[in-house]
Amino acid sequence: MQNNFQIPEQELICINVDKVYDWVLKENTFDFFPTGPITFPGLPATGLGGAVVSCEVTPATTNPVVIVRRENRQFTIDGDIVCLQQLTIRKNFTLVLVLTLPTGTVFRSAAIPVSRSEQVIMCAPEGTDVTVTFTDLDCFISSQGTFVPGTPGTLVFTGLVLTVSTCQSIQATFPVTVEFLADFCQPRAELAIGACPLPAMPPQCPVLYPD
């Protein structure tokens, strides 16, 4: 029995999507100065001369981004008065110091929680969701300073400066239902598999050999 069902070419469709109210890319850099004894599990008490310090940074596992405050502000843009929002965003990070001895042995510090806040002006009225995605997140040592052993398994740093560099994608969104005229998708053609390939030689390198 022949199936005469025909898929329509187009149909008016309603779907649920997130409307982007505003979207900015923001770069921010800040310095961090570790103080007090920092724990390095398994760290020996001697043989630390010539060690090199580096650092790693990741977003905190709990509440990496918190919108602390959202304030309405009026601005004049192209002669029109518009109401935008000044967002105060607190970002929480986890820093880890990495101590590499001249022998190549590596010791990692216990996690160091670090928080920083910044402000950004966006169209993000109350009710919209603000999401922050780190497109790049890096940590490097601006000044290694000096360190001395503290209590067993700890080091005390003097003059150590860590610089954290962030690139962020910040979006304000709200779920909406939209209507549009769409084309229905059709299945692709099946791949022709089964024929044996002809023998082939690997690519040649006549420029390199023979001379």
C-alpha atoms as a PDB file:
ATOM      1  CA  MET A   1       0.000   0.000   0.000  1.00  0.00           C
ATOM      2  CA  GLN A   2       1.517   3.307  -1.054  1.00  0.00           C
ATOM      3  CA  ASN A   3       1.915   6.025   1.577  1.00  0.00           C
ATOM      4  CA  ASN A   4       0.591   9.273   0.128  1.00  0.00           C
ATOM      5  CA  PHE A   5       1.480  11.348   3.207  1.00  0.00           C
ATOM      6  CA  GLN A   6       3.200  14.545   2.112  1.00  0.00           C
ATOM      7  CA  ILE A   7       5.314  16.684   4.426  1.00  0.00           C
ATOM      8  CA  PRO A   8       4.318  20.335   4.008  1.00  0.00           C
ATOM      9  CA  GLU A   9       7.082  22.598   2.754  1.00  0.00           C
ATOM     10  CA  GLN A  10       6.495  25.279   5.366  1.00  0.00           C
ATOM     11  CA  GLU A  11       4.522  25.702   8.556  1.00  0.00           C
ATOM     12  CA  LEU A  12       3.953  28.477  11.076  1.00  0.00           C
ATOM     13  CA  ILE A  13       5.797  27.236  14.155  1.00  0.00           C
ATOM     14  CA  CYS A  14       5.933  28.395  17.790  1.00  0.00           C
ATOM     15  CA  ILE A  15       9.041  27.528  19.789  1.00  0.00           C
ATOM     16  CA  ASN A  16      10.451  28.456  23.187  1.00  0.00           C
ATOM     17  CA  VAL A  17      13.793  30.289  23.094  1.00  0.00           C
ATOM     18  CA  ASP A  18      15.860  32.633  25.236  1.00  0.00           C
ATOM     19  CA  LYS A  19      15.678  36.219  24.021  1.00  0.00           C
ATOM     20  CA  VAL A  20      19.008  38.007  24.410  1.00  0.00           C
ATOM     21  CA  TYR A  21      18.333  41.440  25.914  1.00  0.00           C
ATOM     22  CA  ASP A  22      21.986  42.422  25.913  1.00  0.00           C
ATOM     23  CA  TRP A  23      25.394  40.851  25.382  1.00  0.00           C
ATOM     24  CA  VAL A  24      28.840  42.266  26.137  1.00  0.00           C
ATOM     25  CA  LEU A  25      32.391  40.948  26.186  1.00  0.00           C
ATOM     26  CA  LYS A  26      34.396  42.261  29.121  1.00  0.00           C
ATOM     27  CA  GLU A  27      38.061  41.890  29.985  1.00  0.00           C
ATOM     28  CA  ASN A  28      39.256  42.263  33.553  1.00  0.00           C
ATOM     29  CA  THR A  29      42.580  41.742  35.322  1.00  0.00           C
ATOM     30  CA  PHE A  30      43.317  41.856  39.038  1.00  0.00           C
ATOM     31  CA  ASP A  31      46.263  41.135  41.334  1.00  0.00           C
ATOM     32  CA  PHE A  32      46.194  38.883  44.379  1.00  0.00           C
ATOM     33  CA  PHE A  33      48.731  38.938  47.223  1.00  0.00           C
ATOM     34  CA  PRO A  34      48.758  35.679  49.225  1.00  0.00           C
ATOM     35  CA  THR A  35      49.362  36.203  52.930  1.00  0.00           C
ATOM     36  CA  GLY A  36      49.873  33.870  55.863  1.00  0.00           C
ATOM     37  CA  PRO A  37      51.115  30.269  55.724  1.00  0.00           C
ATOM     38  CA  ILE A  38      49.965  28.349  52.648  1.00  0.00           C
ATOM     39  CA  THR A  39      49.629  24.592  52.943  1.00  0.00           C
ATOM     40  CA  PHE A  40      51.382  22.287  50.455  1.00  0.00           C
ATOM     41  CA  PRO A  41      50.435  18.662  51.244  1.00  0.00           C
ATOM     42  CA  GLY A  42      53.513  16.415  51.406  1.00  0.00           C
ATOM     43  CA  LEU A  43      55.981  19.303  51.217  1.00  0.00           C
ATOM     44  CA  PRO A  44      59.418  18.411  52.700  1.00  0.00           C
ATOM     45  CA  ALA A  45      61.076  20.713  55.191  1.00  0.00           C
ATOM     46  CA  THR A  46      64.351  20.981  53.227  1.00  0.00           C
ATOM     47  CA  GLY A  47      65.582  20.980  49.644  1.00  0.00           C
ATOM     48  CA  LEU A  48      63.369  23.852  48.502  1.00  0.00           C
ATOM     49  CA  GLY A  49      66.147  26.095  47.189  1.00  0.00           C
ATOM     50  CA  GLY A  50      65.679  27.161  43.572  1.00  0.00           C
ATOM     51  CA  ALA A  51      62.013  26.188  43.514  1.00  0.00           C
ATOM     52  CA  VAL A  52      59.783  28.007  41.014  1.00  0.00           C
ATOM     53  CA  VAL A  53      56.225  29.099  41.789  1.00  0.00           C
ATOM     54  CA  SER A  54      53.397  29.152  39.274  1.00  0.00           C
ATOM     55  CA  CYS A  55      49.634  29.315  39.693  1.00  0.00           C
ATOM     56  CA  GLU A  56      46.352  27.929  38.368  1.00  0.00           C
ATOM     57  CA  VAL A  57      42.862  29.438  38.539  1.00  0.00           C
ATOM     58  CA  THR A  58      39.402  27.934  38.012  1.00  0.00           C
ATOM     59  CA  PRO A  59      35.857  29.201  38.707  1.00  0.00           C
ATOM     60  CA  ALA A  60      34.611  28.209  42.148  1.00  0.00           C
ATOM     61  CA  THR A  61      32.529  25.041  42.179  1.00  0.00           C
ATOM     62  CA  THR A  62      29.850  26.719  44.324  1.00  0.00           C
ATOM     63  CA  ASN A  63      28.325  30.058  43.244  1.00  0.00           C
ATOM     64  CA  PRO A  64      31.044  30.981  40.734  1.00  0.00           C
ATOM     65  CA  VAL A  65      29.054  34.094  39.737  1.00  0.00           C
ATOM     66  CA  VAL A  66      26.648  36.056  41.955  1.00  0.00           C
ATOM     67  CA  ILE A  67      24.630  39.124  40.909  1.00  0.00           C
ATOM     68  CA  VAL A  68      25.012  41.204  44.053  1.00  0.00           C
ATOM     69  CA  ARG A  69      23.023  44.258  42.990  1.00  0.00           C
ATOM     70  CA  ARG A  70      20.966  45.495  40.025  1.00  0.00           C
ATOM     71  CA  GLU A  71      20.273  49.240  39.897  1.00  0.00           C
ATOM     72  CA  ASN A  72      18.322  51.210  37.283  1.00  0.00           C
ATOM     73  CA  ARG A  73      20.282  54.050  35.744  1.00  0.00           C
ATOM     74  CA  GLN A  74      19.266  56.564  33.083  1.00  0.00           C
ATOM     75  CA  PHE A  75      21.578  57.293  30.178  1.00  0.00           C
ATOM     76  CA  THR A  76      21.357  59.504  27.093  1.00  0.00           C
ATOM     77  CA  ILE A  77      22.215  57.484  23.978  1.00  0.00           C
ATOM     78  CA  ASP A  78      21.959  59.100  20.535  1.00  0.00           C
ATOM     79  CA  GLY A  79      19.777  61.827  22.039  1.00  0.00           C
ATOM     80  CA  ASP A  80      17.302  59.392  23.648  1.00  0.00           C
ATOM     81  CA  ILE A  81      16.976  58.783  27.384  1.00  0.00           C
ATOM     82  CA  VAL A  82      17.090  55.048  28.110  1.00  0.00           C
ATOM     83  CA  CYS A  83      16.889  53.102  31.358  1.00  0.00           C
ATOM     84  CA  LEU A  84      19.673  50.551  31.752  1.00  0.00           C
ATOM     85  CA  GLN A  85      20.863  48.513  34.690  1.00  0.00           C
ATOM     86  CA  GLN A  86      24.126  48.781  36.575  1.00  0.00           C
ATOM     87  CA  LEU A  87      25.040  45.247  37.639  1.00  0.00           C
ATOM     88  CA  THR A  88      27.428  44.486  40.459  1.00  0.00           C
ATOM     89  CA  ILE A  89      28.792  41.025  39.772  1.00  0.00           C
ATOM     90  CA  ARG A  90      30.833  39.029  42.282  1.00  0.00           C
ATOM     91  CA  LYS A  91      32.998  36.307  40.771  1.00  0.00           C
ATOM     92  CA  ASN A  92      34.401  33.551  42.954  1.00  0.00           C
ATOM     93  CA  PHE A  93      37.578  31.702  41.969  1.00  0.00           C
ATOM     94  CA  THR A  94      39.791  28.937  43.281  1.00  0.00           C
ATOM     95  CA  LEU A  95      43.543  29.543  43.111  1.00  0.00           C
ATOM     96  CA  VAL A  96      46.224  26.887  43.474  1.00  0.00           C
ATOM     97  CA  LEU A  97      49.958  27.588  43.830  1.00  0.00           C
ATOM     98  CA  VAL A  98      52.262  25.109  42.105  1.00  0.00           C
ATOM     99  CA  LEU A  99      55.775  24.705  43.527  1.00  0.00           C
ATOM    100  CA  THR A 100      58.243  23.027  41.160  1.00  0.00           C
ATOM    101  CA  LEU A 101      61.586  21.931  42.650  1.00  0.00           C
ATOM    102  CA  PRO A 102      64.802  21.852  40.564  1.00  0.00           C
ATOM    103  CA  THR A 103      64.494  18.048  40.570  1.00  0.00           C
ATOM    104  CA  GLY A 104      61.159  18.368  38.736  1.00  0.00           C
ATOM    105  CA  THR A 105      59.081  17.329  41.746  1.00  0.00           C
ATOM    106  CA  VAL A 106      55.820  19.284  41.914  1.00  0.00           C
ATOM    107  CA  PHE A 107      53.790  20.217  44.981  1.00  0.00           C
ATOM    108  CA  ARG A 108      50.353  21.808  44.755  1.00  0.00           C
ATOM    109  CA  SER A 109      48.925  24.026  47.467  1.00  0.00           C
ATOM    110  CA  ALA A 110      45.563  23.658  49.100  1.00  0.00           C
ATOM    111  CA  ALA A 111      42.786  25.552  47.300  1.00  0.00           C
ATOM    112  CA  ILE A 112      42.745  29.301  47.961  1.00  0.00           C
ATOM    113  CA  PRO A 113      39.312  30.948  47.575  1.00  0.00           C
ATOM    114  CA  VAL A 114      39.389  34.392  45.957  1.00  0.00           C
ATOM    115  CA  SER A 115      36.483  36.754  45.196  1.00  0.00           C
ATOM    116  CA  ARG A 116      36.362  39.915  43.129  1.00  0.00           C
ATOM    117  CA  SER A 117      33.467  42.222  42.228  1.00  0.00           C
ATOM    118  CA  GLU A 118      33.008  44.462  39.205  1.00  0.00           C
ATOM    119  CA  GLN A 119      30.279  46.564  37.647  1.00  0.00           C
ATOM    120  CA  VAL A 120      28.874  46.534  34.139  1.00  0.00           C
ATOM    121  CA  ILE A 121      26.129  48.580  32.455  1.00  0.00           C
ATOM    122  CA  MET A 122      23.659  46.462  30.476  1.00  0.00           C
ATOM    123  CA  CYS A 123      20.040  46.192  29.412  1.00  0.00           C
ATOM    124  CA  ALA A 124      19.179  43.638  32.098  1.00  0.00           C
ATOM    125  CA  PRO A 125      15.863  44.636  33.740  1.00  0.00           C
ATOM    126  CA  GLU A 126      14.574  42.808  36.795  1.00  0.00           C
ATOM    127  CA  GLY A 127      13.420  39.333  35.810  1.00  0.00           C
ATOM    128  CA  THR A 128      16.112  38.677  33.207  1.00  0.00           C
ATOM    129  CA  ASP A 129      18.762  36.037  33.798  1.00  0.00           C
ATOM    130  CA  VAL A 130      22.381  37.225  33.736  1.00  0.00           C
ATOM    131  CA  THR A 131      24.938  34.576  32.813  1.00  0.00           C
ATOM    132  CA  VAL A 132      28.704  34.980  32.800  1.00  0.00           C
ATOM    133  CA  THR A 133      30.841  32.622  30.719  1.00  0.00           C
ATOM    134  CA  PHE A 134      34.616  32.778  30.922  1.00  0.00           C
ATOM    135  CA  THR A 135      35.972  32.618  27.378  1.00  0.00           C
ATOM    136  CA  ASP A 136      39.501  32.830  28.794  1.00  0.00           C
ATOM    137  CA  LEU A 137      40.777  32.510  32.358  1.00  0.00           C
ATOM    138  CA  ASP A 138      44.454  32.576  33.227  1.00  0.00           C
ATOM    139  CA  CYS A 139      46.779  33.093  36.183  1.00  0.00           C
ATOM    140  CA  PHE A 140      50.450  33.996  36.162  1.00  0.00           C
ATOM    141  CA  ILE A 141      53.086  35.129  38.657  1.00  0.00           C
ATOM    142  CA  SER A 142      53.833  38.845  38.378  1.00  0.00           C
ATOM    143  CA  SER A 143      56.420  38.756  41.173  1.00  0.00           C
ATOM    144  CA  GLN A 144      57.694  35.563  42.798  1.00  0.00           C
ATOM    145  CA  GLY A 145      59.160  37.308  45.829  1.00  0.00           C
ATOM    146  CA  THR A 146      60.613  35.015  48.494  1.00  0.00           C
ATOM    147  CA  PHE A 147      59.319  32.250  50.714  1.00  0.00           C
ATOM    148  CA  VAL A 148      60.395  30.502  53.897  1.00  0.00           C
ATOM    149  CA  PRO A 149      59.092  27.309  55.507  1.00  0.00           C
ATOM    150  CA  GLY A 150      56.437  27.896  58.134  1.00  0.00           C
ATOM    151  CA  THR A 151      54.845  25.152  60.174  1.00  0.00           C
ATOM    152  CA  PRO A 152      55.440  21.659  58.713  1.00  0.00           C
ATOM    153  CA  GLY A 153      53.970  21.411  55.220  1.00  0.00           C
ATOM    154  CA  THR A 154      53.474  25.171  54.799  1.00  0.00           C
ATOM    155  CA  LEU A 155      55.277  28.103  53.183  1.00  0.00           C
ATOM    156  CA  VAL A 156      55.126  31.793  54.040  1.00  0.00           C
ATOM    157  CA  PHE A 157      55.520  34.089  51.016  1.00  0.00           C
ATOM    158  CA  THR A 158      56.791  37.670  50.956  1.00  0.00           C
ATOM    159  CA  GLY A 159      56.241  39.832  47.884  1.00  0.00           C
ATOM    160  CA  LEU A 160      54.390  37.134  45.915  1.00  0.00           C
ATOM    161  CA  VAL A 161      52.007  38.721  43.376  1.00  0.00           C
ATOM    162  CA  LEU A 162      49.524  36.674  41.349  1.00  0.00           C
ATOM    163  CA  THR A 163      47.760  38.225  38.363  1.00  0.00           C
ATOM    164  CA  VAL A 164      44.432  36.770  37.241  1.00  0.00           C
ATOM    165  CA  SER A 165      43.250  37.672  33.737  1.00  0.00           C
ATOM    166  CA  THR A 166      39.652  37.056  32.665  1.00  0.00           C
ATOM    167  CA  CYS A 167      37.730  37.395  29.416  1.00  0.00           C
ATOM    168  CA  GLN A 168      33.988  37.138  29.961  1.00  0.00           C
ATOM    169  CA  SER A 169      30.874  36.808  27.858  1.00  0.00           C
ATOM    170  CA  ILE A 170      28.000  38.410  29.813  1.00  0.00           C
ATOM    171  CA  GLN A 171      24.427  37.940  28.593  1.00  0.00           C
ATOM    172  CA  ALA A 172      21.040  39.052  29.882  1.00  0.00           C
ATOM    173  CA  THR A 173      18.301  36.677  28.676  1.00  0.00           C
ATOM    174  CA  PHE A 174      14.623  35.899  29.252  1.00  0.00           C
ATOM    175  CA  PRO A 175      12.594  32.889  27.999  1.00  0.00           C
ATOM    176  CA  VAL A 176      10.026  33.799  25.321  1.00  0.00           C
ATOM    177  CA  THR A 177       7.781  32.013  22.829  1.00  0.00           C
ATOM    178  CA  VAL A 178       8.303  33.109  19.220  1.00  0.00           C
ATOM    179  CA  GLU A 179       6.382  32.417  16.017  1.00  0.00           C
ATOM    180  CA  PHE A 180       7.950  32.091  12.583  1.00  0.00           C
ATOM    181  CA  LEU A 181       7.446  30.430   9.218  1.00  0.00           C
ATOM    182  CA  ALA A 182       9.858  27.522   8.887  1.00  0.00           C
ATOM    183  CA  ASP A 183      10.894  24.933   6.324  1.00  0.00           C
ATOM    184  CA  PHE A 184      10.665  21.284   7.338  1.00  0.00           C
ATOM    185  CA  CYS A 185      13.935  19.370   7.287  1.00  0.00           C
ATOM    186  CA  GLN A 186      14.341  16.420   4.955  1.00  0.00           C
ATOM    187  CA  PRO A 187      16.568  13.377   5.586  1.00  0.00           C
ATOM    188  CA  ARG A 188      19.909  13.283   3.810  1.00  0.00           C
ATOM    189  CA  ALA A 189      20.785  10.654   1.240  1.00  0.00           C
ATOM    190  CA  GLU A 190      22.329   7.431   2.530  1.00  0.00           C
ATOM    191  CA  LEU A 191      26.091   7.148   2.134  1.00  0.00           C
ATOM    192  CA  ALA A 192      27.267   4.743  -0.551  1.00  0.00           C
ATOM    193  CA  ILE A 193      29.351   2.259   1.456  1.00  0.00           C
ATOM    194  CA  GLY A 194      30.560  -1.138   0.301  1.00  0.00           C
ATOM    195  CA  ALA A 195      32.798  -0.554  -2.703  1.00  0.00           C
ATOM    196  CA  CYS A 196      36.429  -1.582  -2.151  1.00  0.00           C
ATOM    197  CA  PRO A 197      38.857   1.357  -2.426  1.00  0.00           C
ATOM    198  CA  LEU A 198      41.612   1.262  -5.012  1.00  0.00           C
ATOM    199  CA  PRO A 199      45.216   0.824  -3.825  1.00  0.00           C
ATOM    200  CA  ALA A 200      46.842   4.150  -3.047  1.00  0.00           C
ATOM    201  CA  MET A 201      50.343   5.344  -2.194  1.00  0.00           C
ATOM    202  CA  PRO A 202      51.092   7.620   0.766  1.00  0.00           C
ATOM    203  CA  PRO A 203      51.792  11.290  -0.078  1.00  0.00           C
ATOM    204  CA  GLN A 204      55.290  11.896  -1.435  1.00  0.00           C
ATOM    205  CA  CYS A 205      57.863  14.446  -0.204  1.00  0.00           C
ATOM    206  CA  PRO A 206      60.082  15.123  -3.248  1.00  0.00           C
ATOM    207  CA  VAL A 207      61.093  18.538  -1.929  1.00  0.00           C
ATOM    208  CA  LEU A 208      62.842  16.905   1.059  1.00  0.00           C
ATOM    209  CA  TYR A 209      64.014  13.536  -0.328  1.00  0.00           C
ATOM    210  CA  PRO A 210      65.705  12.764  -2.603  1.00  0.00           C
ATOM    211  CA  ASP A 211      67.601  16.019  -2.914  1.00  0.00           C
END
